Amino acid sequence: MNEAGIDVISPNYRGSEGYGYRFERSTNLQTQVEDVIAAAKYAKSMHGKSRVILMGTSYGALIAATAASLDKEDIAGVVFVSMIARSAQTPSAVGSKRPLHCFHGENDPLTPDDARAVIESFFGNGAFQANESHWNVMSGEGHVFRLTRSWTKIYGSVLEMRKSILNDSSKSASRMPN
């Protein structure tokens, strides 16, 4: 990712001493989401533009979905891997204006249709119909992805999303008055 020009921020809450344990054991989703939003704001401040792509797996996908639904300015795109069965507390009335790439295993205990419904609870029913968003059911995968071809597709989608976001940024800049 770094060789492709992407800065990667990967908080290591489990390996941290002190506060990491408290974060990992927290039952307060809101506190965890606020932490992720703060990291997104920090990342955005490094470049001055919203080019932040959140990626979350399993419970992390729930945190990423919640953060992206609350922070519409600092997060430019979201990648979900293996969403869990926990819908948005406040259903969304409008679709997402940022790309969403979702990957869900065909053999996950949460069916792909149910996982899609969970994500749409955050971003609206048309979340995967616009904005270069993609819904992917990964054959041969369960909740924990193990196949190299699956991870190749996931990381390839991050690169694709980055390109899309950069193109949108340059189009917006060229439309701005001098």
C-alpha atoms as a PDB file:
ATOM      1  CA  MET A   1       0.000   0.000   0.000  1.00  0.00           C
ATOM      2  CA  ASN A   2       2.804   2.407   0.839  1.00  0.00           C
ATOM      3  CA  GLU A   3       4.465   1.764  -2.525  1.00  0.00           C
ATOM      4  CA  ALA A   4       1.162   2.740  -4.186  1.00  0.00           C
ATOM      5  CA  GLY A   5       1.246   6.091  -2.372  1.00  0.00           C
ATOM      6  CA  ILE A   6      -1.099   5.155   0.454  1.00  0.00           C
ATOM      7  CA  ASP A   7      -0.354   6.133   4.039  1.00  0.00           C
ATOM      8  CA  VAL A   8      -1.532   3.331   6.319  1.00  0.00           C
ATOM      9  CA  ILE A   9      -2.580   4.012   9.884  1.00  0.00           C
ATOM     10  CA  SER A  10      -3.193   0.785  11.732  1.00  0.00           C
ATOM     11  CA  PRO A  11      -3.832   1.264  15.446  1.00  0.00           C
ATOM     12  CA  ASN A  12      -2.499  -1.722  17.356  1.00  0.00           C
ATOM     13  CA  TYR A  13      -4.884  -1.660  20.276  1.00  0.00           C
ATOM     14  CA  ARG A  14      -4.218  -5.260  21.246  1.00  0.00           C
ATOM     15  CA  GLY A  15      -0.449  -4.790  21.344  1.00  0.00           C
ATOM     16  CA  SER A  16      -0.537  -1.495  23.213  1.00  0.00           C
ATOM     17  CA  GLU A  17       0.120  -1.331  26.906  1.00  0.00           C
ATOM     18  CA  GLY A  18      -2.369   0.367  29.194  1.00  0.00           C
ATOM     19  CA  TYR A  19      -4.987   2.107  27.064  1.00  0.00           C
ATOM     20  CA  GLY A  20      -5.049  -0.629  24.397  1.00  0.00           C
ATOM     21  CA  TYR A  21      -6.399  -3.205  26.793  1.00  0.00           C
ATOM     22  CA  ARG A  22      -9.122  -0.803  27.912  1.00  0.00           C
ATOM     23  CA  PHE A  23     -10.090  -0.095  24.263  1.00  0.00           C
ATOM     24  CA  GLU A  24     -10.205  -3.784  23.354  1.00  0.00           C
ATOM     25  CA  ARG A  25     -12.327  -4.685  26.381  1.00  0.00           C
ATOM     26  CA  SER A  26     -14.643  -1.692  26.068  1.00  0.00           C
ATOM     27  CA  THR A  27     -18.300  -2.477  25.599  1.00  0.00           C
ATOM     28  CA  ASN A  28     -18.938   1.125  24.583  1.00  0.00           C
ATOM     29  CA  LEU A  29     -19.102   1.143  20.778  1.00  0.00           C
ATOM     30  CA  GLN A  30     -19.398   4.945  20.777  1.00  0.00           C
ATOM     31  CA  THR A  31     -16.006   5.373  22.491  1.00  0.00           C
ATOM     32  CA  GLN A  32     -14.374   3.049  19.961  1.00  0.00           C
ATOM     33  CA  VAL A  33     -16.042   4.882  17.055  1.00  0.00           C
ATOM     34  CA  GLU A  34     -14.902   8.254  18.391  1.00  0.00           C
ATOM     35  CA  ASP A  35     -11.339   6.919  18.479  1.00  0.00           C
ATOM     36  CA  VAL A  36     -11.548   5.837  14.825  1.00  0.00           C
ATOM     37  CA  ILE A  37     -13.067   9.184  13.789  1.00  0.00           C
ATOM     38  CA  ALA A  38     -10.225  10.979  15.583  1.00  0.00           C
ATOM     39  CA  ALA A  39      -7.700   8.855  13.645  1.00  0.00           C
ATOM     40  CA  ALA A  40      -9.521   9.693  10.369  1.00  0.00           C
ATOM     41  CA  LYS A  41      -9.438  13.418  11.193  1.00  0.00           C
ATOM     42  CA  TYR A  42      -5.716  13.131  11.970  1.00  0.00           C
ATOM     43  CA  ALA A  43      -5.054  11.330   8.688  1.00  0.00           C
ATOM     44  CA  LYS A  44      -7.045  13.942   6.769  1.00  0.00           C
ATOM     45  CA  SER A  45      -5.113  16.753   8.462  1.00  0.00           C
ATOM     46  CA  MET A  46      -1.877  15.284   7.074  1.00  0.00           C
ATOM     47  CA  HIS A  47      -2.981  16.018   3.496  1.00  0.00           C
ATOM     48  CA  GLY A  48      -5.735  18.616   3.851  1.00  0.00           C
ATOM     49  CA  LYS A  49      -8.206  16.644   1.750  1.00  0.00           C
ATOM     50  CA  SER A  50     -10.567  13.817   2.541  1.00  0.00           C
ATOM     51  CA  ARG A  51      -8.785  10.817   1.093  1.00  0.00           C
ATOM     52  CA  VAL A  52      -9.238   8.570   4.099  1.00  0.00           C
ATOM     53  CA  ILE A  53     -10.309   4.997   3.394  1.00  0.00           C
ATOM     54  CA  LEU A  54     -11.470   3.009   6.413  1.00  0.00           C
ATOM     55  CA  MET A  55     -11.165  -0.741   6.335  1.00  0.00           C
ATOM     56  CA  GLY A  56     -12.773  -2.927   8.968  1.00  0.00           C
ATOM     57  CA  THR A  57     -13.081  -6.670   9.446  1.00  0.00           C
ATOM     58  CA  SER A  58     -15.758  -8.393  11.569  1.00  0.00           C
ATOM     59  CA  TYR A  59     -16.372  -6.201  14.636  1.00  0.00           C
ATOM     60  CA  GLY A  60     -14.035  -3.668  13.028  1.00  0.00           C
ATOM     61  CA  ALA A  61     -16.461  -3.509  10.076  1.00  0.00           C
ATOM     62  CA  LEU A  62     -19.197  -2.474  12.510  1.00  0.00           C
ATOM     63  CA  ILE A  63     -16.927   0.220  13.958  1.00  0.00           C
ATOM     64  CA  ALA A  64     -16.001   1.422  10.440  1.00  0.00           C
ATOM     65  CA  ALA A  65     -19.660   1.492   9.326  1.00  0.00           C
ATOM     66  CA  THR A  66     -20.682   3.448  12.403  1.00  0.00           C
ATOM     67  CA  ALA A  67     -17.791   5.902  12.046  1.00  0.00           C
ATOM     68  CA  ALA A  68     -18.412   6.454   8.328  1.00  0.00           C
ATOM     69  CA  SER A  69     -22.125   7.000   8.877  1.00  0.00           C
ATOM     70  CA  LEU A  70     -21.372   9.652  11.513  1.00  0.00           C
ATOM     71  CA  ASP A  71     -18.404  11.388   9.833  1.00  0.00           C
ATOM     72  CA  LYS A  72     -19.358  12.385   6.315  1.00  0.00           C
ATOM     73  CA  GLU A  73     -16.470  14.847   5.825  1.00  0.00           C
ATOM     74  CA  ASP A  74     -13.290  13.043   6.832  1.00  0.00           C
ATOM     75  CA  ILE A  75     -13.890   9.549   5.439  1.00  0.00           C
ATOM     76  CA  ALA A  76     -13.795   9.249   1.647  1.00  0.00           C
ATOM     77  CA  GLY A  77     -14.418   5.494   1.291  1.00  0.00           C
ATOM     78  CA  VAL A  78     -15.008   2.334   3.294  1.00  0.00           C
ATOM     79  CA  VAL A  79     -14.033  -1.320   2.832  1.00  0.00           C
ATOM     80  CA  PHE A  80     -15.905  -3.939   4.851  1.00  0.00           C
ATOM     81  CA  VAL A  81     -14.807  -7.556   5.311  1.00  0.00           C
ATOM     82  CA  SER A  82     -17.157  -9.991   7.106  1.00  0.00           C
ATOM     83  CA  MET A  83     -19.792  -7.676   8.573  1.00  0.00           C
ATOM     84  CA  ILE A  84     -21.402  -8.825  11.811  1.00  0.00           C
ATOM     85  CA  ALA A  85     -25.138  -8.933  12.623  1.00  0.00           C
ATOM     86  CA  ARG A  86     -25.576  -5.559  14.268  1.00  0.00           C
ATOM     87  CA  SER A  87     -27.577  -2.905  12.442  1.00  0.00           C
ATOM     88  CA  ALA A  88     -27.343   0.860  12.769  1.00  0.00           C
ATOM     89  CA  GLN A  89     -29.036   2.258  15.861  1.00  0.00           C
ATOM     90  CA  THR A  90     -30.521   5.051  13.760  1.00  0.00           C
ATOM     91  CA  PRO A  91     -31.544   3.864  10.293  1.00  0.00           C
ATOM     92  CA  SER A  92     -30.173   5.883   7.407  1.00  0.00           C
ATOM     93  CA  ALA A  93     -32.626   7.722   5.179  1.00  0.00           C
ATOM     94  CA  VAL A  94     -30.143   8.552   2.423  1.00  0.00           C
ATOM     95  CA  GLY A  95     -27.597   6.592   0.423  1.00  0.00           C
ATOM     96  CA  SER A  96     -23.872   6.970   0.843  1.00  0.00           C
ATOM     97  CA  LYS A  97     -22.032   9.547  -1.218  1.00  0.00           C
ATOM     98  CA  ARG A  98     -18.758   7.674  -0.920  1.00  0.00           C
ATOM     99  CA  PRO A  99     -17.637   4.352  -2.355  1.00  0.00           C
ATOM    100  CA  LEU A 100     -18.358   1.262  -0.265  1.00  0.00           C
ATOM    101  CA  HIS A 101     -16.651  -2.035  -1.046  1.00  0.00           C
ATOM    102  CA  CYS A 102     -17.987  -4.995   0.888  1.00  0.00           C
ATOM    103  CA  PHE A 103     -16.635  -8.537   0.976  1.00  0.00           C
ATOM    104  CA  HIS A 104     -18.598 -11.267   2.698  1.00  0.00           C
ATOM    105  CA  GLY A 105     -17.980 -15.019   2.746  1.00  0.00           C
ATOM    106  CA  GLU A 106     -20.625 -17.256   1.196  1.00  0.00           C
ATOM    107  CA  ASN A 107     -20.213 -19.615   4.191  1.00  0.00           C
ATOM    108  CA  ASP A 108     -20.278 -16.913   6.891  1.00  0.00           C
ATOM    109  CA  PRO A 109     -22.805 -17.692   9.672  1.00  0.00           C
ATOM    110  CA  LEU A 110     -24.414 -14.327   8.788  1.00  0.00           C
ATOM    111  CA  THR A 111     -25.885 -14.851   5.335  1.00  0.00           C
ATOM    112  CA  PRO A 112     -24.688 -12.511   2.582  1.00  0.00           C
ATOM    113  CA  ASP A 113     -28.229 -11.096   2.219  1.00  0.00           C
ATOM    114  CA  ASP A 114     -28.379 -10.353   5.948  1.00  0.00           C
ATOM    115  CA  ALA A 115     -24.900  -8.782   5.905  1.00  0.00           C
ATOM    116  CA  ARG A 116     -25.924  -6.547   3.002  1.00  0.00           C
ATOM    117  CA  ALA A 117     -29.046  -5.496   4.926  1.00  0.00           C
ATOM    118  CA  VAL A 118     -26.877  -4.564   7.932  1.00  0.00           C
ATOM    119  CA  ILE A 119     -24.658  -2.341   5.780  1.00  0.00           C
ATOM    120  CA  GLU A 120     -27.692  -0.765   4.112  1.00  0.00           C
ATOM    121  CA  SER A 121     -29.035   0.065   7.587  1.00  0.00           C
ATOM    122  CA  PHE A 122     -26.067   2.452   7.873  1.00  0.00           C
ATOM    123  CA  PHE A 123     -25.972   3.866   4.341  1.00  0.00           C
ATOM    124  CA  GLY A 124     -29.443   3.401   2.833  1.00  0.00           C
ATOM    125  CA  ASN A 125     -31.041   0.828   0.550  1.00  0.00           C
ATOM    126  CA  GLY A 126     -29.266   2.086  -2.558  1.00  0.00           C
ATOM    127  CA  ALA A 127     -25.822   2.009  -0.974  1.00  0.00           C
ATOM    128  CA  PHE A 128     -24.378  -0.414  -3.536  1.00  0.00           C
ATOM    129  CA  GLN A 129     -26.093   1.030  -6.606  1.00  0.00           C
ATOM    130  CA  ALA A 130     -23.989   4.158  -7.023  1.00  0.00           C
ATOM    131  CA  ASN A 131     -20.673   5.836  -6.310  1.00  0.00           C
ATOM    132  CA  GLU A 132     -18.496   2.988  -7.536  1.00  0.00           C
ATOM    133  CA  SER A 133     -19.628   0.801  -4.663  1.00  0.00           C
ATOM    134  CA  HIS A 134     -19.297  -2.965  -4.824  1.00  0.00           C
ATOM    135  CA  TRP A 135     -20.922  -5.913  -3.071  1.00  0.00           C
ATOM    136  CA  ASN A 136     -18.843  -9.111  -3.237  1.00  0.00           C
ATOM    137  CA  VAL A 137     -19.797 -12.565  -1.979  1.00  0.00           C
ATOM    138  CA  MET A 138     -16.551 -14.516  -1.733  1.00  0.00           C
ATOM    139  CA  SER A 139     -16.839 -18.168  -2.715  1.00  0.00           C
ATOM    140  CA  GLY A 140     -15.167 -20.707  -0.472  1.00  0.00           C
ATOM    141  CA  GLU A 141     -14.866 -18.240   2.423  1.00  0.00           C
ATOM    142  CA  GLY A 142     -16.439 -18.174   5.870  1.00  0.00           C
ATOM    143  CA  HIS A 143     -16.191 -15.365   8.404  1.00  0.00           C
ATOM    144  CA  VAL A 144     -12.386 -15.453   8.534  1.00  0.00           C
ATOM    145  CA  PHE A 145     -10.964 -15.161   5.023  1.00  0.00           C
ATOM    146  CA  ARG A 146      -8.091 -17.538   4.336  1.00  0.00           C
ATOM    147  CA  LEU A 147      -7.681 -17.609   0.559  1.00  0.00           C
ATOM    148  CA  THR A 148      -4.987 -15.537  -1.122  1.00  0.00           C
ATOM    149  CA  ARG A 149      -7.289 -14.767  -4.051  1.00  0.00           C
ATOM    150  CA  SER A 150      -9.784 -13.204  -1.622  1.00  0.00           C
ATOM    151  CA  TRP A 151      -7.201 -10.908  -0.030  1.00  0.00           C
ATOM    152  CA  THR A 152      -5.816 -10.019  -3.452  1.00  0.00           C
ATOM    153  CA  LYS A 153      -9.288  -8.868  -4.471  1.00  0.00           C
ATOM    154  CA  ILE A 154      -9.785  -6.939  -1.213  1.00  0.00           C
ATOM    155  CA  TYR A 155      -6.474  -5.065  -1.381  1.00  0.00           C
ATOM    156  CA  GLY A 156      -6.961  -4.517  -5.109  1.00  0.00           C
ATOM    157  CA  SER A 157     -10.269  -2.842  -4.307  1.00  0.00           C
ATOM    158  CA  VAL A 158      -8.479  -0.460  -1.912  1.00  0.00           C
ATOM    159  CA  LEU A 159      -6.165   0.555  -4.766  1.00  0.00           C
ATOM    160  CA  GLU A 160      -9.183   0.928  -7.084  1.00  0.00           C
ATOM    161  CA  MET A 161     -10.979   3.064  -4.500  1.00  0.00           C
ATOM    162  CA  ARG A 162      -7.886   5.240  -4.021  1.00  0.00           C
ATOM    163  CA  LYS A 163      -7.715   5.874  -7.755  1.00  0.00           C
ATOM    164  CA  SER A 164     -11.414   6.747  -7.853  1.00  0.00           C
ATOM    165  CA  ILE A 165     -11.098   9.133  -4.901  1.00  0.00           C
ATOM    166  CA  LEU A 166      -8.051  10.845  -6.412  1.00  0.00           C
ATOM    167  CA  ASN A 167      -9.869  11.253  -9.742  1.00  0.00           C
ATOM    168  CA  ASP A 168     -12.911  12.722  -7.986  1.00  0.00           C
ATOM    169  CA  SER A 169     -10.665  15.111  -6.037  1.00  0.00           C
ATOM    170  CA  SER A 170      -8.956  16.365  -9.193  1.00  0.00           C
ATOM    171  CA  LYS A 171     -12.336  16.799 -10.974  1.00  0.00           C
ATOM    172  CA  SER A 172     -13.682  18.809  -8.026  1.00  0.00           C
ATOM    173  CA  ALA A 173     -10.566  20.989  -7.928  1.00  0.00           C
ATOM    174  CA  SER A 174     -10.820  21.767 -11.643  1.00  0.00           C
ATOM    175  CA  ARG A 175     -14.459  22.887 -11.208  1.00  0.00           C
ATOM    176  CA  MET A 176     -13.673  25.313  -8.370  1.00  0.00           C
ATOM    177  CA  PRO A 177     -13.588  29.022  -9.279  1.00  0.00           C
ATOM    178  CA  ASN A 178     -10.204  30.760  -9.143  1.00  0.00           C
END
